[in-house]
PDB file of N, CA and C in Angstrom:
ATOM      1  N   MET A   1      70.334  14.387  99.640  1.00  0.00           N
ATOM      2  CA  MET A   1      68.933  14.775  99.560  1.00  0.00           C
ATOM      3  C   MET A   1      68.171  14.329 100.818  1.00  0.00           C
ATOM      4  N   MET A   2      68.450  13.099 101.262  1.00  0.00           N
ATOM      5  CA  MET A   2      67.772  12.570 102.445  1.00  0.00           C
ATOM      6  C   MET A   2      68.139  13.366 103.686  1.00  0.00           C
ATOM      7  N   LYS A   3      69.385  13.819 103.801  1.00  0.00           N
ATOM      8  CA  LYS A   3      69.818  14.621 104.947  1.00  0.00           C
ATOM      9  C   LYS A   3      69.074  15.946 104.993  1.00  0.00           C
ATOM     10  N   LYS A   4      68.818  16.541 103.842  1.00  0.00           N
ATOM     11  CA  LYS A   4      68.088  17.815 103.787  1.00  0.00           C
ATOM     12  C   LYS A   4      66.652  17.629 104.281  1.00  0.00           C
ATOM     13  N   ILE A   5      66.029  16.530 103.879  1.00  0.00           N
ATOM     14  CA  ILE A   5      64.652  16.269 104.299  1.00  0.00           C
ATOM     15  C   ILE A   5      64.591  16.035 105.807  1.00  0.00           C
ATOM     16  N   LEU A   6      65.527  15.261 106.326  1.00  0.00           N
ATOM     17  CA  LEU A   6      65.564  15.021 107.772  1.00  0.00           C
ATOM     18  C   LEU A   6      65.821  16.306 108.546  1.00  0.00           C
ATOM     19  N   THR A   7      66.699  17.156 108.036  1.00  0.00           N
ATOM     20  CA  THR A   7      66.988  18.424 108.695  1.00  0.00           C
ATOM     21  C   THR A   7      65.740  19.307 108.742  1.00  0.00           C
ATOM     22  N   ILE A   8      65.016  19.356 107.656  1.00  0.00           N
ATOM     23  CA  ILE A   8      63.792  20.167 107.599  1.00  0.00           C
ATOM     24  C   ILE A   8      62.754  19.627 108.585  1.00  0.00           C
ATOM     25  N   LEU A   9      62.605  18.310 108.642  1.00  0.00           N
ATOM     26  CA  LEU A   9      61.653  17.710 109.584  1.00  0.00           C
ATOM     27  C   LEU A   9      62.039  17.983 111.031  1.00  0.00           C
ATOM     28  N   LEU A  10      63.302  17.894 111.347  1.00  0.00           N
ATOM     29  CA  LEU A  10      63.760  18.163 112.708  1.00  0.00           C
ATOM     30  C   LEU A  10      63.588  19.624 113.092  1.00  0.00           C
ATOM     31  N   LEU A  11      63.787  20.526 112.143  1.00  0.00           N
ATOM     32  CA  LEU A  11      63.591  21.949 112.431  1.00  0.00           C
ATOM     33  C   LEU A  11      62.115  22.290 112.615  1.00  0.00           C
ATOM     34  N   ALA A  12      61.239  21.566 111.943  1.00  0.00           N
ATOM     35  CA  ALA A  12      59.801  21.819 112.064  1.00  0.00           C
ATOM     36  C   ALA A  12      59.224  21.223 113.343  1.00  0.00           C
ATOM     37  N   LEU A  13      59.894  20.240 113.926  1.00  0.00           N
ATOM     38  CA  LEU A  13      59.386  19.553 115.104  1.00  0.00           C
ATOM     39  C   LEU A  13      59.135  20.461 116.315  1.00  0.00           C
ATOM     40  N   PRO A  14      60.051  21.359 116.709  1.00  0.00           N
ATOM     41  CA  PRO A  14      59.777  22.197 117.885  1.00  0.00           C
ATOM     42  C   PRO A  14      58.514  23.043 117.750  1.00  0.00           C
ATOM     43  N   GLY A  15      58.159  23.472 116.566  1.00  0.00           N
ATOM     44  CA  GLY A  15      56.948  24.257 116.369  1.00  0.00           C
ATOM     45  C   GLY A  15      55.691  23.438 116.599  1.00  0.00           C
ATOM     46  N   ALA A  16      55.771  22.149 116.357  1.00  0.00           N
ATOM     47  CA  ALA A  16      54.615  21.278 116.528  1.00  0.00           C
ATOM     48  C   ALA A  16      54.411  20.874 117.983  1.00  0.00           C
ATOM     49  N   VAL A  17      55.401  21.064 118.838  1.00  0.00           N
ATOM     50  CA  VAL A  17      55.348  20.611 120.219  1.00  0.00           C
ATOM     51  C   VAL A  17      54.850  21.698 121.169  1.00  0.00           C
ATOM     52  N   LEU A  18      54.662  22.907 120.707  1.00  0.00           N
ATOM     53  CA  LEU A  18      54.260  24.009 121.571  1.00  0.00           C
ATOM     54  C   LEU A  18      52.913  23.735 122.234  1.00  0.00           C
ATOM     55  N   ALA A  19      52.858  23.932 123.523  1.00  0.00           N
ATOM     56  CA  ALA A  19      51.631  23.736 124.289  1.00  0.00           C
ATOM     57  C   ALA A  19      50.963  25.088 124.528  1.00  0.00           C
ATOM     58  N   PHE A  20      49.658  25.055 124.744  1.00  0.00           N
ATOM     59  CA  PHE A  20      48.968  26.307 125.054  1.00  0.00           C
ATOM     60  C   PHE A  20      49.202  26.666 126.519  1.00  0.00           C
ATOM     61  N   PRO A  21      49.185  27.971 126.823  1.00  0.00           N
ATOM     62  CA  PRO A  21      49.419  28.400 128.211  1.00  0.00           C
ATOM     63  C   PRO A  21      48.178  28.223 129.084  1.00  0.00           C
ATOM     64  N   PHE A  22      48.423  28.040 130.365  1.00  0.00           N
ATOM     65  CA  PHE A  22      47.360  27.928 131.355  1.00  0.00           C
ATOM     66  C   PHE A  22      47.407  29.138 132.278  1.00  0.00           C
ATOM     67  N   GLU A  23      46.239  29.607 132.676  1.00  0.00           N
ATOM     68  CA  GLU A  23      46.099  30.637 133.704  1.00  0.00           C
ATOM     69  C   GLU A  23      45.256  29.987 134.805  1.00  0.00           C
ATOM     70  N   VAL A  24      45.862  29.775 135.971  1.00  0.00           N
ATOM     71  CA  VAL A  24      45.195  29.032 137.041  1.00  0.00           C
ATOM     72  C   VAL A  24      44.862  29.961 138.204  1.00  0.00           C
ATOM     73  N   GLU A  25      43.612  29.893 138.644  1.00  0.00           N
ATOM     74  CA  GLU A  25      43.152  30.650 139.816  1.00  0.00           C
ATOM     75  C   GLU A  25      42.699  29.624 140.847  1.00  0.00           C
ATOM     76  N   LYS A  26      43.314  29.664 142.043  1.00  0.00           N
ATOM     77  CA  LYS A  26      43.017  28.673 143.082  1.00  0.00           C
ATOM     78  C   LYS A  26      42.345  29.328 144.280  1.00  0.00           C
ATOM     79  N   GLN A  27      41.335  28.654 144.795  1.00  0.00           N
ATOM     80  CA  GLN A  27      40.686  29.039 146.050  1.00  0.00           C
ATOM     81  C   GLN A  27      40.556  27.740 146.842  1.00  0.00           C
ATOM     82  N   LEU A  28      41.530  27.499 147.734  1.00  0.00           N
ATOM     83  CA  LEU A  28      41.623  26.197 148.389  1.00  0.00           C
ATOM     84  C   LEU A  28      40.888  26.113 149.719  1.00  0.00           C
ATOM     85  N   ASN A  29      40.559  27.217 150.342  1.00  0.00           N
ATOM     86  CA  ASN A  29      39.748  27.248 151.566  1.00  0.00           C
ATOM     87  C   ASN A  29      40.261  26.295 152.640  1.00  0.00           C
ATOM     88  N   GLY A  30      41.544  26.280 152.867  1.00  0.00           N
ATOM     89  CA  GLY A  30      42.122  25.446 153.916  1.00  0.00           C
ATOM     90  C   GLY A  30      42.498  24.040 153.488  1.00  0.00           C
ATOM     91  N   ALA A  31      42.078  23.610 152.327  1.00  0.00           N
ATOM     92  CA  ALA A  31      42.441  22.278 151.836  1.00  0.00           C
ATOM     93  C   ALA A  31      43.894  22.321 151.354  1.00  0.00           C
ATOM     94  N   GLU A  32      44.639  21.252 151.610  1.00  0.00           N
ATOM     95  CA  GLU A  32      46.042  21.181 151.199  1.00  0.00           C
ATOM     96  C   GLU A  32      46.127  20.410 149.886  1.00  0.00           C
ATOM     97  N   VAL A  33      45.761  21.088 148.806  1.00  0.00           N
ATOM     98  CA  VAL A  33      45.688  20.464 147.480  1.00  0.00           C
ATOM     99  C   VAL A  33      46.661  21.164 146.540  1.00  0.00           C
ATOM    100  N   ALA A  34      47.482  20.364 145.845  1.00  0.00           N
ATOM    101  CA  ALA A  34      48.382  20.884 144.817  1.00  0.00           C
ATOM    102  C   ALA A  34      47.702  20.713 143.463  1.00  0.00           C
ATOM    103  N   VAL A  35      47.847  21.723 142.612  1.00  0.00           N
ATOM    104  CA  VAL A  35      47.194  21.721 141.307  1.00  0.00           C
ATOM    105  C   VAL A  35      48.266  21.698 140.223  1.00  0.00           C
ATOM    106  N   ALA A  36      48.152  20.745 139.297  1.00  0.00           N
ATOM    107  CA  ALA A  36      49.073  20.651 138.157  1.00  0.00           C
ATOM    108  C   ALA A  36      48.249  20.591 136.875  1.00  0.00           C
ATOM    109  N   THR A  37      48.679  21.315 135.844  1.00  0.00           N
ATOM    110  CA  THR A  37      47.953  21.349 134.579  1.00  0.00           C
ATOM    111  C   THR A  37      48.721  20.604 133.503  1.00  0.00           C
ATOM    112  N   LEU A  38      47.982  20.146 132.483  1.00  0.00           N
ATOM    113  CA  LEU A  38      48.598  19.422 131.384  1.00  0.00           C
ATOM    114  C   LEU A  38      47.795  19.643 130.113  1.00  0.00           C
ATOM    115  N   ASP A  39      48.502  19.946 129.041  1.00  0.00           N
ATOM    116  CA  ASP A  39      47.930  20.099 127.710  1.00  0.00           C
ATOM    117  C   ASP A  39      47.888  18.712 127.071  1.00  0.00           C
ATOM    118  N   LEU A  40      46.699  18.226 126.719  1.00  0.00           N
ATOM    119  CA  LEU A  40      46.554  16.891 126.130  1.00  0.00           C
ATOM    120  C   LEU A  40      46.283  16.945 124.631  1.00  0.00           C
ATOM    121  N   GLY A  41      46.732  17.955 123.971  1.00  0.00           N
ATOM    122  CA  GLY A  41      46.480  18.117 122.543  1.00  0.00           C
ATOM    123  C   GLY A  41      45.997  19.522 122.289  1.00  0.00           C
ATOM    124  N   ASN A  42      45.551  19.780 121.072  1.00  0.00           N
ATOM    125  CA  ASN A  42      45.168  21.155 120.743  1.00  0.00           C
ATOM    126  C   ASN A  42      43.781  21.546 121.226  1.00  0.00           C
ATOM    127  N   ASN A  43      42.976  20.578 121.724  1.00  0.00           N
ATOM    128  CA  ASN A  43      41.634  20.943 122.191  1.00  0.00           C
ATOM    129  C   ASN A  43      41.234  20.241 123.491  1.00  0.00           C
ATOM    130  N   MET A  44      42.215  19.728 124.248  1.00  0.00           N
ATOM    131  CA  MET A  44      41.896  19.014 125.481  1.00  0.00           C
ATOM    132  C   MET A  44      42.888  19.391 126.575  1.00  0.00           C
ATOM    133  N   ALA A  45      42.376  19.562 127.799  1.00  0.00           N
ATOM    134  CA  ALA A  45      43.215  19.955 128.935  1.00  0.00           C
ATOM    135  C   ALA A  45      42.911  19.063 130.127  1.00  0.00           C
ATOM    136  N   SER A  46      43.897  18.947 131.012  1.00  0.00           N
ATOM    137  CA  SER A  46      43.764  18.117 132.197  1.00  0.00           C
ATOM    138  C   SER A  46      44.295  18.858 133.409  1.00  0.00           C
ATOM    139  N   VAL A  47      43.685  18.599 134.563  1.00  0.00           N
ATOM    140  CA  VAL A  47      44.155  19.138 135.832  1.00  0.00           C
ATOM    141  C   VAL A  47      44.274  17.970 136.808  1.00  0.00           C
ATOM    142  N   SER A  48      45.425  17.887 137.473  1.00  0.00           N
ATOM    143  CA  SER A  48      45.651  16.878 138.506  1.00  0.00           C
ATOM    144  C   SER A  48      45.559  17.559 139.866  1.00  0.00           C
ATOM    145  N   LEU A  49      44.795  16.969 140.765  1.00  0.00           N
ATOM    146  CA  LEU A  49      44.602  17.499 142.108  1.00  0.00           C
ATOM    147  C   LEU A  49      45.200  16.505 143.099  1.00  0.00           C
ATOM    148  N   SER A  50      46.262  16.889 143.781  1.00  0.00           N
ATOM    149  CA  SER A  50      46.923  16.020 144.758  1.00  0.00           C
ATOM    150  C   SER A  50      46.644  16.549 146.152  1.00  0.00           C
ATOM    151  N   ASN A  51      46.027  15.725 146.984  1.00  0.00           N
ATOM    152  CA  ASN A  51      45.654  16.124 148.338  1.00  0.00           C
ATOM    153  C   ASN A  51      46.749  15.702 149.304  1.00  0.00           C
ATOM    154  N   TYR A  52      47.453  16.664 149.861  1.00  0.00           N
ATOM    155  CA  TYR A  52      48.519  16.403 150.834  1.00  0.00           C
ATOM    156  C   TYR A  52      48.047  16.562 152.270  1.00  0.00           C
ATOM    157  N   GLY A  53      46.782  16.848 152.452  1.00  0.00           N
ATOM    158  CA  GLY A  53      46.236  17.049 153.791  1.00  0.00           C
ATOM    159  C   GLY A  53      45.834  15.744 154.451  1.00  0.00           C
ATOM    160  N   ALA A  54      45.390  15.868 155.713  1.00  0.00           N
ATOM    161  CA  ALA A  54      44.962  14.695 156.490  1.00  0.00           C
ATOM    162  C   ALA A  54      43.482  14.386 156.271  1.00  0.00           C
ATOM    163  N   ARG A  55      42.745  15.318 155.677  1.00  0.00           N
ATOM    164  CA  ARG A  55      41.313  15.134 155.440  1.00  0.00           C
ATOM    165  C   ARG A  55      41.025  15.154 153.943  1.00  0.00           C
ATOM    166  N   ALA A  56      39.927  14.524 153.570  1.00  0.00           N
ATOM    167  CA  ALA A  56      39.504  14.503 152.168  1.00  0.00           C
ATOM    168  C   ALA A  56      39.103  15.911 151.731  1.00  0.00           C
ATOM    169  N   ALA A  57      39.169  16.152 150.433  1.00  0.00           N
ATOM    170  CA  ALA A  57      38.787  17.451 149.874  1.00  0.00           C
ATOM    171  C   ALA A  57      37.813  17.237 148.719  1.00  0.00           C
ATOM    172  N   VAL A  58      36.909  18.167 148.551  1.00  0.00           N
ATOM    173  CA  VAL A  58      35.973  18.164 147.434  1.00  0.00           C
ATOM    174  C   VAL A  58      36.313  19.387 146.586  1.00  0.00           C
ATOM    175  N   CYS A  59      36.582  19.157 145.299  1.00  0.00           N
ATOM    176  CA  CYS A  59      37.028  20.245 144.435  1.00  0.00           C
ATOM    177  C   CYS A  59      36.123  20.400 143.222  1.00  0.00           C
ATOM    178  N   LYS A  60      35.995  21.649 142.789  1.00  0.00           N
ATOM    179  CA  LYS A  60      35.278  21.988 141.563  1.00  0.00           C
ATOM    180  C   LYS A  60      36.288  22.675 140.648  1.00  0.00           C
ATOM    181  N   VAL A  61      36.415  22.171 139.424  1.00  0.00           N
ATOM    182  CA  VAL A  61      37.367  22.726 138.464  1.00  0.00           C
ATOM    183  C   VAL A  61      36.579  23.248 137.274  1.00  0.00           C
ATOM    184  N   ARG A  62      36.832  24.507 136.913  1.00  0.00           N
ATOM    185  CA  ARG A  62      36.127  25.140 135.794  1.00  0.00           C
ATOM    186  C   ARG A  62      37.145  25.477 134.710  1.00  0.00           C
ATOM    187  N   PHE A  63      36.973  24.890 133.528  1.00  0.00           N
ATOM    188  CA  PHE A  63      37.840  25.131 132.380  1.00  0.00           C
ATOM    189  C   PHE A  63      37.161  26.158 131.467  1.00  0.00           C
ATOM    190  N   ARG A  64      37.894  27.198 131.073  1.00  0.00           N
ATOM    191  CA  ARG A  64      37.359  28.204 130.138  1.00  0.00           C
ATOM    192  C   ARG A  64      38.318  28.386 128.976  1.00  0.00           C
ATOM    193  N   ASN A  65      37.763  28.338 127.765  1.00  0.00           N
ATOM    194  CA  ASN A  65      38.537  28.539 126.551  1.00  0.00           C
ATOM    195  C   ASN A  65      37.817  29.561 125.682  1.00  0.00           C
ATOM    196  N   GLY A  66      38.004  30.818 125.992  1.00  0.00           N
ATOM    197  CA  GLY A  66      37.454  31.881 125.151  1.00  0.00           C
ATOM    198  C   GLY A  66      35.951  31.811 124.962  1.00  0.00           C
ATOM    199  N   PRO A  67      35.498  31.771 123.694  1.00  0.00           N
ATOM    200  CA  PRO A  67      34.071  31.921 123.416  1.00  0.00           C
ATOM    201  C   PRO A  67      33.217  30.691 123.729  1.00  0.00           C
ATOM    202  N   GLU A  68      33.813  29.526 123.906  1.00  0.00           N
ATOM    203  CA  GLU A  68      33.019  28.323 124.174  1.00  0.00           C
ATOM    204  C   GLU A  68      32.481  28.324 125.606  1.00  0.00           C
ATOM    205  N   ALA A  69      31.431  27.567 125.819  1.00  0.00           N
ATOM    206  CA  ALA A  69      30.849  27.440 127.158  1.00  0.00           C
ATOM    207  C   ALA A  69      31.857  26.782 128.095  1.00  0.00           C
ATOM    208  N   PRO A  70      31.980  27.275 129.325  1.00  0.00           N
ATOM    209  CA  PRO A  70      32.916  26.664 130.284  1.00  0.00           C
ATOM    210  C   PRO A  70      32.518  25.222 130.596  1.00  0.00           C
ATOM    211  N   ARG A  71      33.509  24.402 130.911  1.00  0.00           N
ATOM    212  CA  ARG A  71      33.282  23.018 131.319  1.00  0.00           C
ATOM    213  C   ARG A  71      33.610  22.924 132.805  1.00  0.00           C
ATOM    214  N   THR A  72      32.695  22.396 133.602  1.00  0.00           N
ATOM    215  CA  THR A  72      32.901  22.263 135.043  1.00  0.00           C
ATOM    216  C   THR A  72      32.974  20.783 135.395  1.00  0.00           C
ATOM    217  N   ARG A  73      33.993  20.443 136.166  1.00  0.00           N
ATOM    218  CA  ARG A  73      34.182  19.070 136.624  1.00  0.00           C
ATOM    219  C   ARG A  73      34.316  19.082 138.137  1.00  0.00           C
ATOM    220  N   ARG A  74      33.817  18.044 138.805  1.00  0.00           N
ATOM    221  CA  ARG A  74      33.908  17.920 140.249  1.00  0.00           C
ATOM    222  C   ARG A  74      34.683  16.645 140.587  1.00  0.00           C
ATOM    223  N   ALA A  75      35.447  16.719 141.670  1.00  0.00           N
ATOM    224  CA  ALA A  75      36.226  15.549 142.088  1.00  0.00           C
ATOM    225  C   ALA A  75      36.347  15.527 143.601  1.00  0.00           C
ATOM    226  N   SER A  76      36.229  14.341 144.169  1.00  0.00           N
ATOM    227  CA  SER A  76      36.522  14.129 145.585  1.00  0.00           C
ATOM    228  C   SER A  76      37.907  13.521 145.650  1.00  0.00           C
ATOM    229  N   VAL A  77      38.768  14.103 146.493  1.00  0.00           N
ATOM    230  CA  VAL A  77      40.149  13.642 146.593  1.00  0.00           C
ATOM    231  C   VAL A  77      40.406  13.217 148.032  1.00  0.00           C
ATOM    232  N   ALA A  78      40.613  11.929 148.226  1.00  0.00           N
ATOM    233  CA  ALA A  78      40.893  11.411 149.570  1.00  0.00           C
ATOM    234  C   ALA A  78      42.269  11.881 150.020  1.00  0.00           C
ATOM    235  N   ALA A  79      42.497  11.860 151.324  1.00  0.00           N
ATOM    236  CA  ALA A  79      43.795  12.277 151.877  1.00  0.00           C
ATOM    237  C   ALA A  79      44.904  11.397 151.298  1.00  0.00           C
ATOM    238  N   GLY A  80      45.943  12.035 150.795  1.00  0.00           N
ATOM    239  CA  GLY A  80      47.078  11.318 150.232  1.00  0.00           C
ATOM    240  C   GLY A  80      46.865  10.805 148.818  1.00  0.00           C
ATOM    241  N   GLU A  81      45.756  11.112 148.202  1.00  0.00           N
ATOM    242  CA  GLU A  81      45.440  10.619 146.860  1.00  0.00           C
ATOM    243  C   GLU A  81      45.511  11.737 145.828  1.00  0.00           C
ATOM    244  N   THR A  82      45.427  11.352 144.550  1.00  0.00           N
ATOM    245  CA  THR A  82      45.422  12.294 143.432  1.00  0.00           C
ATOM    246  C   THR A  82      44.231  11.991 142.539  1.00  0.00           C
ATOM    247  N   ALA A  83      43.552  13.037 142.074  1.00  0.00           N
ATOM    248  CA  ALA A  83      42.438  12.891 141.135  1.00  0.00           C
ATOM    249  C   ALA A  83      42.765  13.683 139.875  1.00  0.00           C
ATOM    250  N   HIS A  84      42.313  13.177 138.726  1.00  0.00           N
ATOM    251  CA  HIS A  84      42.548  13.842 137.450  1.00  0.00           C
ATOM    252  C   HIS A  84      41.200  14.191 136.828  1.00  0.00           C
ATOM    253  N   VAL A  85      41.061  15.411 136.329  1.00  0.00           N
ATOM    254  CA  VAL A  85      39.864  15.829 135.611  1.00  0.00           C
ATOM    255  C   VAL A  85      40.292  16.378 134.255  1.00  0.00           C
ATOM    256  N   THR A  86      39.463  16.140 133.243  1.00  0.00           N
ATOM    257  CA  THR A  86      39.786  16.597 131.893  1.00  0.00           C
ATOM    258  C   THR A  86      38.600  17.309 131.276  1.00  0.00           C
ATOM    259  N   ALA A  87      38.882  18.089 130.256  1.00  0.00           N
ATOM    260  CA  ALA A  87      37.834  18.767 129.496  1.00  0.00           C
ATOM    261  C   ALA A  87      38.255  18.835 128.036  1.00  0.00           C
ATOM    262  N   ARG A  88      37.311  18.573 127.161  1.00  0.00           N
ATOM    263  CA  ARG A  88      37.557  18.641 125.721  1.00  0.00           C
ATOM    264  C   ARG A  88      36.727  19.791 125.153  1.00  0.00           C
ATOM    265  N   PHE A  89      37.332  20.516 124.213  1.00  0.00           N
ATOM    266  CA  PHE A  89      36.664  21.639 123.577  1.00  0.00           C
ATOM    267  C   PHE A  89      36.524  21.376 122.079  1.00  0.00           C
ATOM    268  N   ASN A  90      35.594  22.069 121.449  1.00  0.00           N
ATOM    269  CA  ASN A  90      35.367  21.905 120.012  1.00  0.00           C
ATOM    270  C   ASN A  90      36.422  22.621 119.175  1.00  0.00           C
ATOM    271  N   ASN A  91      36.933  23.728 119.676  1.00  0.00           N
ATOM    272  CA  ASN A  91      37.907  24.522 118.936  1.00  0.00           C
ATOM    273  C   ASN A  91      39.313  24.352 119.510  1.00  0.00           C
ATOM    274  N   THR A  92      40.291  24.736 118.745  1.00  0.00           N
ATOM    275  CA  THR A  92      41.671  24.698 119.215  1.00  0.00           C
ATOM    276  C   THR A  92      41.844  25.687 120.357  1.00  0.00           C
ATOM    277  N   VAL A  93      42.508  25.249 121.409  1.00  0.00           N
ATOM    278  CA  VAL A  93      42.730  26.087 122.585  1.00  0.00           C
ATOM    279  C   VAL A  93      43.938  26.982 122.346  1.00  0.00           C
ATOM    280  N   ILE A  94      43.770  28.271 122.596  1.00  0.00           N
ATOM    281  CA  ILE A  94      44.878  29.219 122.498  1.00  0.00           C
ATOM    282  C   ILE A  94      45.404  29.517 123.901  1.00  0.00           C
ATOM    283  N   LYS A  95      44.481  29.702 124.844  1.00  0.00           N
ATOM    284  CA  LYS A  95      44.843  29.928 126.242  1.00  0.00           C
ATOM    285  C   LYS A  95      43.746  29.312 127.101  1.00  0.00           C
ATOM    286  N   MET A  96      44.154  28.502 128.084  1.00  0.00           N
ATOM    287  CA  MET A  96      43.190  27.841 128.963  1.00  0.00           C
ATOM    288  C   MET A  96      43.165  28.542 130.312  1.00  0.00           C
ATOM    289  N   ARG A  97      41.971  28.932 130.737  1.00  0.00           N
ATOM    290  CA  ARG A  97      41.798  29.535 132.055  1.00  0.00           C
ATOM    291  C   ARG A  97      41.119  28.495 132.941  1.00  0.00           C
ATOM    292  N   VAL A  98      41.720  28.235 134.090  1.00  0.00           N
ATOM    293  CA  VAL A  98      41.226  27.198 134.989  1.00  0.00           C
ATOM    294  C   VAL A  98      40.986  27.818 136.360  1.00  0.00           C
ATOM    295  N   GLN A  99      39.800  27.580 136.916  1.00  0.00           N
ATOM    296  CA  GLN A  99      39.474  28.001 138.276  1.00  0.00           C
ATOM    297  C   GLN A  99      39.287  26.745 139.109  1.00  0.00           C
ATOM    298  N   VAL A 100      40.019  26.652 140.198  1.00  0.00           N
ATOM    299  CA  VAL A 100      39.943  25.493 141.096  1.00  0.00           C
ATOM    300  C   VAL A 100      39.440  25.981 142.448  1.00  0.00           C
ATOM    301  N   GLU A 101      38.355  25.391 142.922  1.00  0.00           N
ATOM    302  CA  GLU A 101      37.804  25.723 144.235  1.00  0.00           C
ATOM    303  C   GLU A 101      37.663  24.434 145.021  1.00  0.00           C
ATOM    304  N   CYS A 102      38.345  24.367 146.155  1.00  0.00           N
ATOM    305  CA  CYS A 102      38.315  23.167 146.987  1.00  0.00           C
ATOM    306  C   CYS A 102      37.875  23.514 148.399  1.00  0.00           C
ATOM    307  N   LYS A 103      37.348  22.515 149.087  1.00  0.00           N
ATOM    308  CA  LYS A 103      37.043  22.652 150.512  1.00  0.00           C
ATOM    309  C   LYS A 103      37.272  21.299 151.155  1.00  0.00           C
ATOM    310  N   GLN A 104      37.591  21.332 152.440  1.00  0.00           N
ATOM    311  CA  GLN A 104      37.799  20.080 153.166  1.00  0.00           C
ATOM    312  C   GLN A 104      36.457  19.398 153.375  1.00  0.00           C
ATOM    313  N   ASP A 105      36.470  18.099 153.280  1.00  0.00           N
ATOM    314  CA  ASP A 105      35.239  17.321 153.431  1.00  0.00           C
ATOM    315  C   ASP A 105      35.032  16.933 154.876  1.00  0.00           C
TER     316      ASP A 105
END
């Protein structure tokens, strides 16, 4: 009986781990910034900005989740550094659209 319960729990686990997809639009304007996305749960998203250039960069990140108001975050990223920005939404995220706009400082 215990083996059946464990088997059912293990089979249900992959369905619980599914992350929402990201659609990323980048406008880097000469800045050498790498963008990485991360799902932090069913209503929170994160973007990591890694600056590989020799000059600092100033970035604006806009998170959009369907009908809710977009969340805009700004970050200054020094040369060789990484900055993380997050956004929390009231509803469960089905698809996250992210716009990243950077410029050299």
